[in-house]
PDB file of N, CA and C in Angstrom:
ATOM      1  N   MET A   1       0.862  -1.182   0.078  1.00  0.00           N
ATOM      2  CA  MET A   1       0.033   0.011  -0.006  1.00  0.00           C
ATOM      3  C   MET A   1       0.836   1.214  -0.003  1.00  0.00           C
ATOM      4  N   ALA A   2       0.552   2.210  -0.749  1.00  0.00           N
ATOM      5  CA  ALA A   2       1.353   3.439  -0.824  1.00  0.00           C
ATOM      6  C   ALA A   2       0.946   4.448   0.136  1.00  0.00           C
ATOM      7  N   ILE A   3       1.392   4.327   1.388  1.00  0.00           N
ATOM      8  CA  ILE A   3       1.074   5.215   2.426  1.00  0.00           C
ATOM      9  C   ILE A   3       1.550   6.664   2.202  1.00  0.00           C
ATOM     10  N   ALA A   4       2.611   6.805   1.496  1.00  0.00           N
ATOM     11  CA  ALA A   4       3.224   8.100   1.258  1.00  0.00           C
ATOM     12  C   ALA A   4       2.216   8.941   0.447  1.00  0.00           C
ATOM     13  N   ALA A   5       1.255   8.440  -0.241  1.00  0.00           N
ATOM     14  CA  ALA A   5       0.286   9.134  -0.999  1.00  0.00           C
ATOM     15  C   ALA A   5      -0.789   9.820  -0.116  1.00  0.00           C
ATOM     16  N   VAL A   6      -0.841   9.373   1.149  1.00  0.00           N
ATOM     17  CA  VAL A   6      -1.756   9.918   2.059  1.00  0.00           C
ATOM     18  C   VAL A   6      -1.119  11.114   2.765  1.00  0.00           C
ATOM     19  N   SER A   7      -1.692  12.342   2.686  1.00  0.00           N
ATOM     20  CA  SER A   7      -1.090  13.593   3.107  1.00  0.00           C
ATOM     21  C   SER A   7      -1.251  13.900   4.560  1.00  0.00           C
ATOM     22  N   THR A   8      -2.019  13.104   5.322  1.00  0.00           N
ATOM     23  CA  THR A   8      -2.204  13.356   6.695  1.00  0.00           C
ATOM     24  C   THR A   8      -1.124  12.836   7.525  1.00  0.00           C
ATOM     25  N   GLY A   9      -0.815  13.509   8.677  1.00  0.00           N
ATOM     26  CA  GLY A   9       0.127  12.984   9.606  1.00  0.00           C
ATOM     27  C   GLY A   9      -0.567  12.449  10.894  1.00  0.00           C
ATOM     28  N   ASP A  10      -1.807  12.434  10.904  1.00  0.00           N
ATOM     29  CA  ASP A  10      -2.567  12.035  12.035  1.00  0.00           C
ATOM     30  C   ASP A  10      -2.624  10.502  12.213  1.00  0.00           C
ATOM     31  N   ASP A  11      -1.829  10.067  13.184  1.00  0.00           N
ATOM     32  CA  ASP A  11      -1.770   8.571  13.387  1.00  0.00           C
ATOM     33  C   ASP A  11      -3.053   7.930  13.616  1.00  0.00           C
ATOM     34  N   ALA A  12      -3.932   8.619  14.316  1.00  0.00           N
ATOM     35  CA  ALA A  12      -5.340   7.994  14.499  1.00  0.00           C
ATOM     36  C   ALA A  12      -6.004   7.730  13.228  1.00  0.00           C
ATOM     37  N   ARG A  13      -5.872   8.527  12.186  1.00  0.00           N
ATOM     38  CA  ARG A  13      -6.575   8.376  10.940  1.00  0.00           C
ATOM     39  C   ARG A  13      -5.921   7.221  10.096  1.00  0.00           C
ATOM     40  N   LEU A  14      -4.617   6.957  10.402  1.00  0.00           N
ATOM     41  CA  LEU A  14      -3.905   5.962   9.589  1.00  0.00           C
ATOM     42  C   LEU A  14      -3.998   4.560  10.249  1.00  0.00           C
ATOM     43  N   MET A  15      -4.719   4.497  11.350  1.00  0.00           N
ATOM     44  CA  MET A  15      -4.760   3.098  11.966  1.00  0.00           C
ATOM     45  C   MET A  15      -5.432   2.021  11.108  1.00  0.00           C
ATOM     46  N   TRP A  16      -6.294   2.543  10.194  1.00  0.00           N
ATOM     47  CA  TRP A  16      -6.995   1.633   9.284  1.00  0.00           C
ATOM     48  C   TRP A  16      -5.979   0.892   8.384  1.00  0.00           C
ATOM     49  N   VAL A  17      -4.840   1.550   8.080  1.00  0.00           N
ATOM     50  CA  VAL A  17      -3.900   0.946   7.170  1.00  0.00           C
ATOM     51  C   VAL A  17      -3.383  -0.438   7.581  1.00  0.00           C
ATOM     52  N   SER A  18      -3.252  -0.562   8.962  1.00  0.00           N
ATOM     53  CA  SER A  18      -2.760  -1.860   9.448  1.00  0.00           C
ATOM     54  C   SER A  18      -3.834  -3.058   9.261  1.00  0.00           C
ATOM     55  N   GLN A  19      -5.058  -2.663   8.939  1.00  0.00           N
ATOM     56  CA  GLN A  19      -6.112  -3.667   8.725  1.00  0.00           C
ATOM     57  C   GLN A  19      -6.421  -3.896   7.348  1.00  0.00           C
ATOM     58  N   ALA A  20      -5.770  -3.134   6.467  1.00  0.00           N
ATOM     59  CA  ALA A  20      -6.120  -3.254   4.970  1.00  0.00           C
ATOM     60  C   ALA A  20      -5.700  -4.577   4.406  1.00  0.00           C
ATOM     61  N   ARG A  21      -6.516  -5.147   3.547  1.00  0.00           N
ATOM     62  CA  ARG A  21      -6.178  -6.440   2.896  1.00  0.00           C
ATOM     63  C   ARG A  21      -4.938  -6.274   2.090  1.00  0.00           C
ATOM     64  N   CYS A  22      -4.764  -5.171   1.495  1.00  0.00           N
ATOM     65  CA  CYS A  22      -3.617  -4.946   0.546  1.00  0.00           C
ATOM     66  C   CYS A  22      -2.319  -4.703   1.211  1.00  0.00           C
ATOM     67  N   ARG A  23      -2.298  -4.559   2.515  1.00  0.00           N
ATOM     68  CA  ARG A  23      -1.016  -4.174   3.215  1.00  0.00           C
ATOM     69  C   ARG A  23       0.190  -5.035   2.962  1.00  0.00           C
ATOM     70  N   GLY A  24      -0.137  -6.349   2.689  1.00  0.00           N
ATOM     71  CA  GLY A  24       1.040  -7.201   2.480  1.00  0.00           C
ATOM     72  C   GLY A  24       1.364  -7.471   1.049  1.00  0.00           C
ATOM     73  N   GLY A  25       0.544  -6.907   0.126  1.00  0.00           N
ATOM     74  CA  GLY A  25       0.725  -7.229  -1.328  1.00  0.00           C
ATOM     75  C   GLY A  25       1.634  -6.238  -1.932  1.00  0.00           C
ATOM     76  N   ASN A  26       1.811  -6.349  -3.162  1.00  0.00           N
ATOM     77  CA  ASN A  26       2.614  -5.522  -4.030  1.00  0.00           C
ATOM     78  C   ASN A  26       1.889  -4.257  -4.371  1.00  0.00           C
ATOM     79  N   PRO A  27       2.290  -3.060  -3.855  1.00  0.00           N
ATOM     80  CA  PRO A  27       1.576  -1.890  -4.151  1.00  0.00           C
ATOM     81  C   PRO A  27       1.436  -1.629  -5.668  1.00  0.00           C
ATOM     82  N   ASP A  28       2.346  -2.029  -6.406  1.00  0.00           N
ATOM     83  CA  ASP A  28       2.173  -1.832  -7.913  1.00  0.00           C
ATOM     84  C   ASP A  28       0.913  -2.472  -8.453  1.00  0.00           C
ATOM     85  N   ASP A  29       0.353  -3.481  -7.831  1.00  0.00           N
ATOM     86  CA  ASP A  29      -0.861  -4.126  -8.236  1.00  0.00           C
ATOM     87  C   ASP A  29      -2.107  -3.194  -8.188  1.00  0.00           C
ATOM     88  N   LEU A  30      -1.949  -2.104  -7.370  1.00  0.00           N
ATOM     89  CA  LEU A  30      -3.018  -1.162  -7.255  1.00  0.00           C
ATOM     90  C   LEU A  30      -2.824   0.084  -8.050  1.00  0.00           C
ATOM     91  N   PHE A  31      -1.666   0.224  -8.643  1.00  0.00           N
ATOM     92  CA  PHE A  31      -1.345   1.397  -9.484  1.00  0.00           C
ATOM     93  C   PHE A  31      -1.134   1.085 -10.908  1.00  0.00           C
ATOM     94  N   VAL A  32      -2.261   0.599 -11.530  1.00  0.00           N
ATOM     95  CA  VAL A  32      -2.273   0.173 -12.902  1.00  0.00           C
ATOM     96  C   VAL A  32      -3.142   1.212 -13.763  1.00  0.00           C
ATOM     97  N   ARG A  33      -3.143   1.009 -14.907  1.00  0.00           N
ATOM     98  CA  ARG A  33      -3.838   1.911 -15.897  1.00  0.00           C
ATOM     99  C   ARG A  33      -5.076   1.186 -16.528  1.00  0.00           C
ATOM    100  N   GLY A  34      -5.993   2.113 -16.890  1.00  0.00           N
ATOM    101  CA  GLY A  34      -7.103   1.657 -17.733  1.00  0.00           C
ATOM    102  C   GLY A  34      -8.012   0.561 -17.064  1.00  0.00           C
ATOM    103  N   ALA A  35      -8.371  -0.416 -17.924  1.00  0.00           N
ATOM    104  CA  ALA A  35      -9.302  -1.445 -17.489  1.00  0.00           C
ATOM    105  C   ALA A  35      -8.700  -2.312 -16.454  1.00  0.00           C
ATOM    106  N   ALA A  36      -7.376  -2.400 -16.275  1.00  0.00           N
ATOM    107  CA  ALA A  36      -6.759  -3.153 -15.259  1.00  0.00           C
ATOM    108  C   ALA A  36      -7.134  -2.714 -13.796  1.00  0.00           C
ATOM    109  N   GLN A  37      -7.579  -1.446 -13.765  1.00  0.00           N
ATOM    110  CA  GLN A  37      -8.028  -0.923 -12.457  1.00  0.00           C
ATOM    111  C   GLN A  37      -9.137  -1.703 -11.930  1.00  0.00           C
ATOM    112  N   ARG A  38     -10.156  -1.976 -12.753  1.00  0.00           N
ATOM    113  CA  ARG A  38     -11.299  -2.835 -12.236  1.00  0.00           C
ATOM    114  C   ARG A  38     -10.934  -4.045 -11.708  1.00  0.00           C
ATOM    115  N   LYS A  39      -9.944  -4.785 -12.325  1.00  0.00           N
ATOM    116  CA  LYS A  39      -9.522  -6.044 -11.784  1.00  0.00           C
ATOM    117  C   LYS A  39      -8.787  -5.702 -10.458  1.00  0.00           C
ATOM    118  N   ALA A  40      -7.940  -4.799 -10.379  1.00  0.00           N
ATOM    119  CA  ALA A  40      -7.255  -4.315  -9.131  1.00  0.00           C
ATOM    120  C   ALA A  40      -8.184  -4.113  -7.999  1.00  0.00           C
ATOM    121  N   ALA A  41      -9.309  -3.492  -8.284  1.00  0.00           N
ATOM    122  CA  ALA A  41     -10.300  -3.116  -7.296  1.00  0.00           C
ATOM    123  C   ALA A  41     -10.878  -4.362  -6.570  1.00  0.00           C
ATOM    124  N   THR A  42     -10.808  -5.579  -7.178  1.00  0.00           N
ATOM    125  CA  THR A  42     -11.330  -6.732  -6.584  1.00  0.00           C
ATOM    126  C   THR A  42     -10.574  -7.055  -5.273  1.00  0.00           C
ATOM    127  N   ILE A  43      -9.293  -6.604  -5.175  1.00  0.00           N
ATOM    128  CA  ILE A  43      -8.509  -6.793  -3.952  1.00  0.00           C
ATOM    129  C   ILE A  43      -9.279  -6.184  -2.783  1.00  0.00           C
ATOM    130  N   CYS A  44      -9.996  -5.104  -2.989  1.00  0.00           N
ATOM    131  CA  CYS A  44     -10.673  -4.336  -1.943  1.00  0.00           C
ATOM    132  C   CYS A  44     -12.008  -4.942  -1.629  1.00  0.00           C
ATOM    133  N   ARG A  45     -12.538  -5.800  -2.418  1.00  0.00           N
ATOM    134  CA  ARG A  45     -13.933  -6.213  -2.273  1.00  0.00           C
ATOM    135  C   ARG A  45     -14.339  -6.606  -0.792  1.00  0.00           C
ATOM    136  N   HIS A  46     -13.584  -7.344  -0.059  1.00  0.00           N
ATOM    137  CA  HIS A  46     -13.980  -7.788   1.214  1.00  0.00           C
ATOM    138  C   HIS A  46     -13.016  -7.149   2.239  1.00  0.00           C
ATOM    139  N   CYS A  47     -12.441  -6.042   1.999  1.00  0.00           N
ATOM    140  CA  CYS A  47     -11.556  -5.343   2.952  1.00  0.00           C
ATOM    141  C   CYS A  47     -12.327  -4.763   4.059  1.00  0.00           C
ATOM    142  N   PRO A  48     -11.930  -4.981   5.300  1.00  0.00           N
ATOM    143  CA  PRO A  48     -12.668  -4.362   6.403  1.00  0.00           C
ATOM    144  C   PRO A  48     -12.593  -2.823   6.580  1.00  0.00           C
ATOM    145  N   VAL A  49     -11.644  -2.253   5.846  1.00  0.00           N
ATOM    146  CA  VAL A  49     -11.432  -0.866   5.917  1.00  0.00           C
ATOM    147  C   VAL A  49     -11.586  -0.135   4.560  1.00  0.00           C
ATOM    148  N   GLN A  50     -12.399  -0.669   3.728  1.00  0.00           N
ATOM    149  CA  GLN A  50     -12.676  -0.124   2.400  1.00  0.00           C
ATOM    150  C   GLN A  50     -13.126   1.274   2.449  1.00  0.00           C
ATOM    151  N   LEU A  51     -14.128   1.533   3.362  1.00  0.00           N
ATOM    152  CA  LEU A  51     -14.653   2.864   3.332  1.00  0.00           C
ATOM    153  C   LEU A  51     -13.666   3.963   3.835  1.00  0.00           C
ATOM    154  N   GLU A  52     -12.957   3.487   4.855  1.00  0.00           N
ATOM    155  CA  GLU A  52     -11.942   4.415   5.405  1.00  0.00           C
ATOM    156  C   GLU A  52     -10.871   4.746   4.391  1.00  0.00           C
ATOM    157  N   CYS A  53     -10.476   3.803   3.608  1.00  0.00           N
ATOM    158  CA  CYS A  53      -9.440   3.919   2.632  1.00  0.00           C
ATOM    159  C   CYS A  53      -9.977   4.873   1.466  1.00  0.00           C
ATOM    160  N   GLY A  54     -11.182   4.556   1.016  1.00  0.00           N
ATOM    161  CA  GLY A  54     -11.724   5.415  -0.059  1.00  0.00           C
ATOM    162  C   GLY A  54     -11.962   6.840   0.438  1.00  0.00           C
ATOM    163  N   ALA A  55     -12.393   7.041   1.627  1.00  0.00           N
ATOM    164  CA  ALA A  55     -12.673   8.349   2.173  1.00  0.00           C
ATOM    165  C   ALA A  55     -11.308   9.127   2.217  1.00  0.00           C
ATOM    166  N   ASP A  56     -10.332   8.494   2.725  1.00  0.00           N
ATOM    167  CA  ASP A  56      -9.006   9.121   2.803  1.00  0.00           C
ATOM    168  C   ASP A  56      -8.470   9.539   1.529  1.00  0.00           C
ATOM    169  N   ALA A  57      -8.593   8.693   0.449  1.00  0.00           N
ATOM    170  CA  ALA A  57      -8.195   9.008  -0.873  1.00  0.00           C
ATOM    171  C   ALA A  57      -8.951  10.213  -1.422  1.00  0.00           C
ATOM    172  N   LEU A  58     -10.221  10.252  -1.131  1.00  0.00           N
ATOM    173  CA  LEU A  58     -11.118  11.357  -1.673  1.00  0.00           C
ATOM    174  C   LEU A  58     -10.838  12.613  -0.871  1.00  0.00           C
ATOM    175  N   ASP A  59     -10.703  12.532   0.372  1.00  0.00           N
ATOM    176  CA  ASP A  59     -10.345  13.736   1.175  1.00  0.00           C
ATOM    177  C   ASP A  59      -9.060  14.346   0.796  1.00  0.00           C
ATOM    178  N   ASN A  60      -8.075  13.493   0.383  1.00  0.00           N
ATOM    179  CA  ASN A  60      -6.768  13.910   0.081  1.00  0.00           C
ATOM    180  C   ASN A  60      -6.496  14.114  -1.427  1.00  0.00           C
ATOM    181  N   ARG A  61      -7.625  13.926  -2.221  1.00  0.00           N
ATOM    182  CA  ARG A  61      -7.633  14.130  -3.638  1.00  0.00           C
ATOM    183  C   ARG A  61      -6.511  13.275  -4.305  1.00  0.00           C
ATOM    184  N   VAL A  62      -6.368  12.067  -3.849  1.00  0.00           N
ATOM    185  CA  VAL A  62      -5.436  11.177  -4.442  1.00  0.00           C
ATOM    186  C   VAL A  62      -5.864  10.815  -5.896  1.00  0.00           C
ATOM    187  N   GLU A  63      -4.964  11.137  -6.842  1.00  0.00           N
ATOM    188  CA  GLU A  63      -5.358  11.017  -8.194  1.00  0.00           C
ATOM    189  C   GLU A  63      -5.067   9.724  -8.817  1.00  0.00           C
ATOM    190  N   PHE A  64      -4.074   8.894  -8.313  1.00  0.00           N
ATOM    191  CA  PHE A  64      -3.666   7.709  -9.010  1.00  0.00           C
ATOM    192  C   PHE A  64      -3.892   6.475  -8.109  1.00  0.00           C
ATOM    193  N   GLY A  65      -4.108   5.338  -8.753  1.00  0.00           N
ATOM    194  CA  GLY A  65      -4.260   4.059  -8.119  1.00  0.00           C
ATOM    195  C   GLY A  65      -5.709   3.807  -7.718  1.00  0.00           C
ATOM    196  N   VAL A  66      -5.855   2.570  -7.207  1.00  0.00           N
ATOM    197  CA  VAL A  66      -7.120   2.082  -6.680  1.00  0.00           C
ATOM    198  C   VAL A  66      -7.123   2.202  -5.204  1.00  0.00           C
ATOM    199  N   TRP A  67      -8.080   2.869  -4.709  1.00  0.00           N
ATOM    200  CA  TRP A  67      -8.246   3.153  -3.224  1.00  0.00           C
ATOM    201  C   TRP A  67      -9.671   2.895  -2.792  1.00  0.00           C
ATOM    202  N   GLY A  68      -9.877   2.110  -1.755  1.00  0.00           N
ATOM    203  CA  GLY A  68     -11.094   1.794  -1.296  1.00  0.00           C
ATOM    204  C   GLY A  68     -12.085   1.173  -2.309  1.00  0.00           C
ATOM    205  N   GLY A  69     -11.544   0.417  -3.190  1.00  0.00           N
ATOM    206  CA  GLY A  69     -12.238  -0.283  -4.252  1.00  0.00           C
ATOM    207  C   GLY A  69     -12.653   0.626  -5.325  1.00  0.00           C
ATOM    208  N   MET A  70     -12.228   1.884  -5.382  1.00  0.00           N
ATOM    209  CA  MET A  70     -12.546   2.787  -6.351  1.00  0.00           C
ATOM    210  C   MET A  70     -11.426   3.095  -7.418  1.00  0.00           C
ATOM    211  N   THR A  71     -11.744   3.125  -8.605  1.00  0.00           N
ATOM    212  CA  THR A  71     -10.715   3.492  -9.605  1.00  0.00           C
ATOM    213  C   THR A  71     -10.565   5.003  -9.606  1.00  0.00           C
ATOM    214  N   GLU A  72      -9.551   5.467 -10.364  1.00  0.00           N
ATOM    215  CA  GLU A  72      -9.345   6.886 -10.449  1.00  0.00           C
ATOM    216  C   GLU A  72     -10.593   7.588 -11.110  1.00  0.00           C
ATOM    217  N   ARG A  73     -11.220   6.988 -12.035  1.00  0.00           N
ATOM    218  CA  ARG A  73     -12.391   7.561 -12.749  1.00  0.00           C
ATOM    219  C   ARG A  73     -13.584   7.559 -11.760  1.00  0.00           C
ATOM    220  N   GLN A  74     -13.779   6.673 -10.990  1.00  0.00           N
ATOM    221  CA  GLN A  74     -14.846   6.652  -9.980  1.00  0.00           C
ATOM    222  C   GLN A  74     -14.696   7.674  -8.909  1.00  0.00           C
ATOM    223  N   ARG A  75     -13.443   7.895  -8.478  1.00  0.00           N
ATOM    224  CA  ARG A  75     -13.219   8.912  -7.500  1.00  0.00           C
ATOM    225  C   ARG A  75     -13.436  10.345  -8.086  1.00  0.00           C
ATOM    226  N   ARG A  76     -12.921  10.492  -9.272  1.00  0.00           N
ATOM    227  CA  ARG A  76     -13.193  11.805  -9.954  1.00  0.00           C
ATOM    228  C   ARG A  76     -14.645  12.098 -10.110  1.00  0.00           C
ATOM    229  N   ALA A  77     -15.454  11.110 -10.511  1.00  0.00           N
ATOM    230  CA  ALA A  77     -16.878  11.264 -10.709  1.00  0.00           C
ATOM    231  C   ALA A  77     -17.567  11.605  -9.265  1.00  0.00           C
ATOM    232  N   LEU A  78     -17.134  11.003  -8.256  1.00  0.00           N
ATOM    233  CA  LEU A  78     -17.767  11.308  -6.940  1.00  0.00           C
ATOM    234  C   LEU A  78     -17.386  12.763  -6.566  1.00  0.00           C
ATOM    235  N   LEU A  79     -16.185  13.173  -6.753  1.00  0.00           N
ATOM    236  CA  LEU A  79     -15.768  14.477  -6.479  1.00  0.00           C
ATOM    237  C   LEU A  79     -16.591  15.562  -7.243  1.00  0.00           C
ATOM    238  N   ARG A  80     -16.841  15.215  -8.515  1.00  0.00           N
ATOM    239  CA  ARG A  80     -17.614  16.112  -9.345  1.00  0.00           C
ATOM    240  C   ARG A  80     -19.103  16.177  -8.918  1.00  0.00           C
ATOM    241  N   GLN A  81     -19.664  14.951  -8.586  1.00  0.00           N
ATOM    242  CA  GLN A  81     -21.035  14.836  -8.170  1.00  0.00           C
ATOM    243  C   GLN A  81     -21.332  15.508  -6.814  1.00  0.00           C
ATOM    244  N   HIS A  82     -20.307  15.513  -5.996  1.00  0.00           N
ATOM    245  CA  HIS A  82     -20.542  16.017  -4.573  1.00  0.00           C
ATOM    246  C   HIS A  82     -19.483  17.015  -4.180  1.00  0.00           C
ATOM    247  N   PRO A  83     -19.458  18.199  -4.869  1.00  0.00           N
ATOM    248  CA  PRO A  83     -18.387  19.183  -4.551  1.00  0.00           C
ATOM    249  C   PRO A  83     -18.599  19.787  -3.094  1.00  0.00           C
ATOM    250  N   GLU A  84     -19.781  19.660  -2.621  1.00  0.00           N
ATOM    251  CA  GLU A  84     -20.028  20.132  -1.192  1.00  0.00           C
ATOM    252  C   GLU A  84     -19.471  19.312  -0.095  1.00  0.00           C
ATOM    253  N   VAL A  85     -19.035  18.091  -0.365  1.00  0.00           N
ATOM    254  CA  VAL A  85     -18.545  17.269   0.674  1.00  0.00           C
ATOM    255  C   VAL A  85     -17.208  17.770   1.220  1.00  0.00           C
ATOM    256  N   THR A  86     -17.059  17.936   2.457  1.00  0.00           N
ATOM    257  CA  THR A  86     -15.784  18.309   3.111  1.00  0.00           C
ATOM    258  C   THR A  86     -15.134  17.204   3.849  1.00  0.00           C
ATOM    259  N   SER A  87     -15.923  16.188   4.163  1.00  0.00           N
ATOM    260  CA  SER A  87     -15.316  14.971   4.773  1.00  0.00           C
ATOM    261  C   SER A  87     -16.069  13.728   4.253  1.00  0.00           C
ATOM    262  N   TRP A  88     -15.277  13.000   3.507  1.00  0.00           N
ATOM    263  CA  TRP A  88     -15.902  11.786   2.879  1.00  0.00           C
ATOM    264  C   TRP A  88     -16.192  10.690   3.861  1.00  0.00           C
ATOM    265  N   ALA A  89     -15.452  10.618   4.911  1.00  0.00           N
ATOM    266  CA  ALA A  89     -15.694   9.692   6.029  1.00  0.00           C
ATOM    267  C   ALA A  89     -17.070   9.940   6.632  1.00  0.00           C
ATOM    268  N   GLN A  90     -17.343  11.269   6.861  1.00  0.00           N
ATOM    269  CA  GLN A  90     -18.707  11.609   7.455  1.00  0.00           C
ATOM    270  C   GLN A  90     -19.799  11.413   6.346  1.00  0.00           C
ATOM    271  N   PHE A  91     -19.505  11.631   5.121  1.00  0.00           N
ATOM    272  CA  PHE A  91     -20.448  11.398   4.035  1.00  0.00           C
ATOM    273  C   PHE A  91     -20.849   9.875   3.963  1.00  0.00           C
ATOM    274  N   PHE A  92     -19.815   9.046   3.996  1.00  0.00           N
ATOM    275  CA  PHE A  92     -20.082   7.629   3.831  1.00  0.00           C
ATOM    276  C   PHE A  92     -20.856   7.127   5.113  1.00  0.00           C
ATOM    277  N   GLU A  93     -20.511   7.638   6.285  1.00  0.00           N
ATOM    278  CA  GLU A  93     -21.170   7.213   7.475  1.00  0.00           C
ATOM    279  C   GLU A  93     -22.621   7.670   7.461  1.00  0.00           C
ATOM    280  N   ALA A  94     -22.885   8.842   6.982  1.00  0.00           N
ATOM    281  CA  ALA A  94     -24.336   9.263   6.831  1.00  0.00           C
ATOM    282  C   ALA A  94     -25.034   8.356   5.811  1.00  0.00           C
ATOM    283  N   GLN A  95     -24.435   8.003   4.809  1.00  0.00           N
ATOM    284  CA  GLN A  95     -25.044   7.121   3.768  1.00  0.00           C
ATOM    285  C   GLN A  95     -25.326   5.731   4.373  1.00  0.00           C
ATOM    286  N   ARG A  96     -24.322   5.223   5.183  1.00  0.00           N
ATOM    287  CA  ARG A  96     -24.505   3.944   5.816  1.00  0.00           C
ATOM    288  C   ARG A  96     -25.658   3.952   6.812  1.00  0.00           C
ATOM    289  N   ARG A  97     -25.777   5.064   7.645  1.00  0.00           N
ATOM    290  CA  ARG A  97     -26.918   5.206   8.504  1.00  0.00           C
ATOM    291  C   ARG A  97     -28.236   5.211   7.794  1.00  0.00           C
ATOM    292  N   ARG A  98     -28.224   6.018   6.745  1.00  0.00           N
ATOM    293  CA  ARG A  98     -29.534   6.097   5.921  1.00  0.00           C
ATOM    294  C   ARG A  98     -29.855   4.845   5.313  1.00  0.00           C
ATOM    295  N   HIS A  99     -28.927   4.102   4.913  1.00  0.00           N
ATOM    296  CA  HIS A  99     -29.196   2.740   4.310  1.00  0.00           C
ATOM    297  C   HIS A  99     -29.742   1.798   5.379  1.00  0.00           C
ATOM    298  N   ARG A 100     -29.162   1.834   6.595  1.00  0.00           N
ATOM    299  CA  ARG A 100     -29.636   0.920   7.596  1.00  0.00           C
ATOM    300  C   ARG A 100     -31.056   1.357   8.103  1.00  0.00           C
ATOM    301  N   ALA A 101     -31.335   2.611   8.114  1.00  0.00           N
ATOM    302  CA  ALA A 101     -32.674   3.005   8.521  1.00  0.00           C
ATOM    303  C   ALA A 101     -33.736   2.625   7.496  1.00  0.00           C
ATOM    304  N   ASP A 102     -33.348   2.689   6.229  1.00  0.00           N
ATOM    305  CA  ASP A 102     -34.310   2.260   5.186  1.00  0.00           C
ATOM    306  C   ASP A 102     -34.581   0.758   5.195  1.00  0.00           C
ATOM    307  N   ALA A 103     -33.513  -0.012   5.684  1.00  0.00           N
ATOM    308  CA  ALA A 103     -33.659  -1.428   5.745  1.00  0.00           C
ATOM    309  C   ALA A 103     -34.599  -1.882   6.872  1.00  0.00           C
ATOM    310  N   VAL A 104     -34.818  -1.026   7.818  1.00  0.00           N
ATOM    311  CA  VAL A 104     -35.616  -1.468   8.982  1.00  0.00           C
ATOM    312  C   VAL A 104     -37.054  -1.360   8.706  1.00  0.00           C
TER     313      VAL A 104
END
């Protein structure tokens, strides 16, 4: 995992890195181009910190690689669709709560 791409120095926010499925793999597997990104994103499919990883990449405007199961294109689309979001972690948590409430 390319931790250097994360611009925060807050250790508490980086705790999720130690739980990431990709932590022991080859980081180059997540920094591929084009259609290979979709295949790379499957690494994230059952990751316990997928949302934290994706939120961190979006908050820090990480342009390259697969983060949180999202390709570069998917992250750019989310940023365009929701320019009002200042914290993607909070946004995802609100979405999760809304989804749970709808399921009840």
